[in-house]
Amino acid sequence: MVLLEKKMVTHELQPENWIDQYADYLFNYAVARVSDAEIAKDLVQETFYAGLNSAKNYKGDAAERTWLIAILKRKVIDHYRKINSKKGKAEVRVNYNASSDSEGDWLEEQVADPFGKGGDDTIENEELGLAIQECISKLPKKQSLVFKMKTIQGMSTEDICNELGINPSNLWVMIHRARTALMGCLNQNWY
């Protein structure tokens, strides 16, 4: 019987390189989720600090950047939990009953694709796209974030709920309110 020797590879963190190698990536990740540059900077700083404090727990199972992203994800979740705990948590149940073949006459189904190439419709689609972006910017921050994550980024309900520390009922209420507000805004400013 031949025994194969397994090479022992040591995975050591290099925190002295974190800012140069990972700060921009982590910042972009954070700002996409919290929509506030100052909060994103704070979260990245907290991530680096937490990484230094838990460096002894790093086993090398993941790349250094992946490990830092995992820490940052927890920081983003904690950020939203903190916001939610300040507002108080009220569970709202929504029953959605599709009465037709489509799942509802939501905004996404009612407006044209702003990036479509429909000949004469190109200018109108560009204007509609700008109008949609303007209306999204008027939403409350959390509604805007949830709407973007679900509708634009296509994230799953479970991932959004885990990342923001909310339950599916809260998520669907926020999406419904965002869609209703966007439709009202578009009806007022576009149609």
Protein backbone atom coordinates (compact mmCIF):
# COMPACT_ATOMS: atom_id res chain seq x y z
CA MET A 1 0.00 0.00 0.00
CA VAL A 2 1.41 3.35 -1.02
CA LEU A 3 0.63 6.34 1.11
CA LEU A 4 0.33 9.63 -0.65
CA GLU A 5 1.66 12.59 1.19
CA LYS A 6 -0.67 15.50 1.31
CA LYS A 7 1.04 18.84 0.99
CA MET A 8 0.30 21.13 3.84
CA VAL A 9 -0.42 24.54 2.40
CA THR A 10 -0.55 27.35 4.87
CA HIS A 11 -3.01 30.07 4.12
CA GLU A 12 -1.94 33.26 5.73
CA LEU A 13 -3.81 36.50 5.53
CA GLN A 14 -2.02 39.57 4.33
CA PRO A 15 -3.89 42.46 5.98
CA GLU A 16 -1.18 44.90 4.97
CA ASN A 17 -2.41 44.49 1.37
CA TRP A 18 -6.15 44.60 2.01
CA ILE A 19 -6.66 48.29 1.30
CA ASP A 20 -4.73 48.22 -1.98
CA GLN A 21 -6.20 44.92 -3.17
CA TYR A 22 -9.76 44.84 -1.86
CA ALA A 23 -10.98 48.26 -0.66
CA ASP A 24 -12.47 49.35 -4.00
CA TYR A 25 -14.18 46.02 -4.60
CA LEU A 26 -15.61 45.90 -1.07
CA PHE A 27 -16.74 49.54 -1.30
CA ASN A 28 -18.55 48.94 -4.60
CA TYR A 29 -20.20 45.85 -3.15
CA ALA A 30 -21.33 47.77 -0.04
CA VAL A 31 -22.53 50.92 -1.80
CA ALA A 32 -24.66 48.82 -4.16
CA ARG A 33 -26.45 47.41 -1.13
CA VAL A 34 -26.80 50.43 1.15
CA SER A 35 -26.96 53.24 -1.47
CA ASP A 36 -24.95 55.58 0.76
CA ALA A 37 -21.23 56.14 0.21
CA GLU A 38 -20.50 57.14 3.81
CA ILE A 39 -22.25 54.09 5.25
CA ALA A 40 -20.47 51.90 2.67
CA LYS A 41 -17.08 53.32 3.75
CA ASP A 42 -17.92 52.61 7.38
CA LEU A 43 -18.97 49.06 6.56
CA VAL A 44 -15.72 48.40 4.68
CA GLN A 45 -13.72 49.78 7.60
CA GLU A 46 -15.70 47.59 10.02
CA THR A 47 -15.04 44.63 7.71
CA PHE A 48 -11.30 45.17 7.80
CA TYR A 49 -11.39 45.57 11.57
CA ALA A 50 -13.46 42.41 12.02
CA GLY A 51 -11.09 40.58 9.65
CA LEU A 52 -8.12 41.56 11.76
CA ASN A 53 -9.90 40.51 14.95
CA SER A 54 -10.90 37.13 13.55
CA ALA A 55 -7.75 36.40 11.53
CA LYS A 56 -6.98 33.45 13.80
CA ASN A 57 -10.23 31.82 12.56
CA TYR A 58 -9.23 32.04 8.89
CA LYS A 59 -8.72 28.46 7.69
CA GLY A 60 -7.88 29.18 4.08
CA ASP A 61 -10.94 27.37 2.74
CA ALA A 62 -11.81 30.45 0.71
CA ALA A 63 -9.75 33.11 -0.99
CA GLU A 64 -8.91 36.11 1.12
CA ARG A 65 -11.27 38.39 -0.87
CA THR A 66 -14.12 35.87 -0.60
CA TRP A 67 -13.56 35.67 3.15
CA LEU A 68 -13.69 39.47 3.44
CA ILE A 69 -16.87 39.61 1.32
CA ALA A 70 -18.49 37.10 3.68
CA ILE A 71 -17.64 39.39 6.59
CA LEU A 72 -18.96 42.43 4.69
CA LYS A 73 -22.24 40.62 3.92
CA ARG A 74 -22.75 40.11 7.66
CA LYS A 75 -21.98 43.80 8.26
CA VAL A 76 -24.60 44.83 5.67
CA ILE A 77 -27.15 42.50 7.24
CA ASP A 78 -26.33 43.90 10.69
CA HIS A 79 -26.72 47.43 9.33
CA TYR A 80 -30.26 46.71 8.11
CA ARG A 81 -31.17 44.84 11.27
CA LYS A 82 -30.11 47.88 13.26
CA ILE A 83 -32.26 50.15 11.09
CA ASN A 84 -35.23 47.78 11.38
CA SER A 85 -34.93 47.46 15.14
CA LYS A 86 -35.09 51.21 15.48
CA LYS A 87 -38.31 51.39 13.48
CA GLY A 88 -39.91 48.45 15.22
CA LYS A 89 -40.99 45.36 13.41
CA ALA A 90 -44.55 44.84 12.34
CA GLU A 91 -45.44 41.80 10.32
CA VAL A 92 -47.89 42.47 7.54
CA ARG A 93 -49.50 39.64 5.68
CA VAL A 94 -50.38 40.12 2.04
CA ASN A 95 -52.44 37.68 0.09
CA TYR A 96 -51.85 37.92 -3.60
CA ASN A 97 -54.43 36.29 -5.77
CA ALA A 98 -53.75 36.28 -9.47
CA SER A 99 -57.07 36.41 -11.23
CA SER A 100 -55.63 36.12 -14.70
CA ASP A 101 -52.96 34.18 -16.53
CA SER A 102 -50.36 36.81 -15.73
CA GLU A 103 -49.04 37.24 -12.25
CA GLY A 104 -50.31 40.79 -12.02
CA ASP A 105 -50.30 44.03 -13.87
CA TRP A 106 -47.11 45.21 -12.26
CA LEU A 107 -45.02 48.08 -13.49
CA GLU A 108 -42.47 45.80 -15.15
CA GLU A 109 -45.21 44.30 -17.31
CA GLN A 110 -46.82 47.61 -18.22
CA VAL A 111 -43.89 49.67 -19.43
CA ALA A 112 -41.80 49.15 -22.52
CA ASP A 113 -38.21 47.98 -22.31
CA PRO A 114 -36.19 51.22 -21.99
CA PHE A 115 -33.29 49.59 -23.79
CA GLY A 116 -35.36 48.14 -26.64
CA LYS A 117 -34.48 48.95 -30.23
CA GLY A 118 -37.92 49.62 -31.68
CA GLY A 119 -36.96 52.06 -34.44
CA ASP A 120 -39.06 55.18 -33.80
CA ASP A 121 -39.58 54.07 -30.20
CA THR A 122 -35.90 54.44 -29.29
CA ILE A 123 -36.17 58.06 -28.12
CA GLU A 124 -39.39 57.36 -26.25
CA ASN A 125 -37.83 54.32 -24.57
CA GLU A 126 -34.80 56.34 -23.49
CA GLU A 127 -37.06 59.01 -22.02
CA LEU A 128 -39.14 56.36 -20.26
CA GLY A 129 -35.98 54.77 -18.86
CA LEU A 130 -34.91 58.14 -17.46
CA ALA A 131 -38.40 58.69 -16.03
CA ILE A 132 -38.29 55.28 -14.32
CA GLN A 133 -34.86 56.05 -12.84
CA GLU A 134 -36.14 59.43 -11.62
CA CYS A 135 -39.16 57.77 -9.99
CA ILE A 136 -36.99 55.08 -8.36
CA SER A 137 -34.79 57.80 -6.88
CA LYS A 138 -37.88 59.31 -5.18
CA LEU A 139 -38.71 56.08 -3.34
CA PRO A 140 -37.75 55.64 0.31
CA LYS A 141 -34.22 54.18 0.48
CA LYS A 142 -35.19 50.71 1.66
CA GLN A 143 -38.05 50.36 -0.86
CA SER A 144 -35.71 51.49 -3.62
CA LEU A 145 -33.04 49.00 -2.53
CA VAL A 146 -35.49 46.08 -2.31
CA PHE A 147 -37.06 46.97 -5.67
CA LYS A 148 -33.64 47.16 -7.37
CA MET A 149 -32.42 43.92 -5.78
CA LYS A 150 -35.54 41.96 -6.77
CA THR A 151 -36.52 43.54 -10.09
CA ILE A 152 -33.31 44.87 -11.59
CA GLN A 153 -30.66 42.57 -10.13
CA GLY A 154 -32.98 39.54 -10.14
CA MET A 155 -31.99 38.36 -6.67
CA SER A 156 -34.04 35.62 -5.04
CA THR A 157 -36.50 36.40 -2.25
CA GLU A 158 -34.49 34.25 0.15
CA ASP A 159 -31.20 36.03 -0.61
CA ILE A 160 -32.76 39.47 -0.21
CA CYS A 161 -34.44 38.51 3.07
CA ASN A 162 -31.21 37.05 4.43
CA GLU A 163 -29.14 40.04 3.37
CA LEU A 164 -31.53 42.65 4.74
CA GLY A 165 -32.78 40.72 7.77
CA ILE A 166 -36.44 40.89 6.76
CA ASN A 167 -39.08 38.23 6.26
CA PRO A 168 -40.75 37.44 2.90
CA SER A 169 -43.98 39.20 3.91
CA ASN A 170 -42.07 42.43 4.56
CA LEU A 171 -40.24 42.04 1.27
CA TRP A 172 -43.40 41.66 -0.79
CA VAL A 173 -45.10 44.55 0.99
CA MET A 174 -42.11 46.78 0.17
CA ILE A 175 -42.07 45.63 -3.45
CA HIS A 176 -45.82 46.18 -3.77
CA ARG A 177 -45.52 49.67 -2.29
CA ALA A 178 -42.56 50.48 -4.54
CA ARG A 179 -44.43 49.31 -7.64
CA THR A 180 -47.53 51.26 -6.66
CA ALA A 181 -45.48 54.42 -6.02
CA LEU A 182 -43.56 53.99 -9.28
CA MET A 183 -46.74 53.54 -11.26
CA GLY A 184 -48.24 56.64 -9.66
CA CYS A 185 -45.07 58.62 -10.36
CA LEU A 186 -44.97 57.46 -13.98
CA ASN A 187 -48.67 58.19 -14.48
CA GLN A 188 -48.11 61.70 -13.17
CA ASN A 189 -44.81 62.44 -14.93
CA TRP A 190 -44.75 60.28 -18.05
CA TYR A 191 -48.07 59.02 -19.41
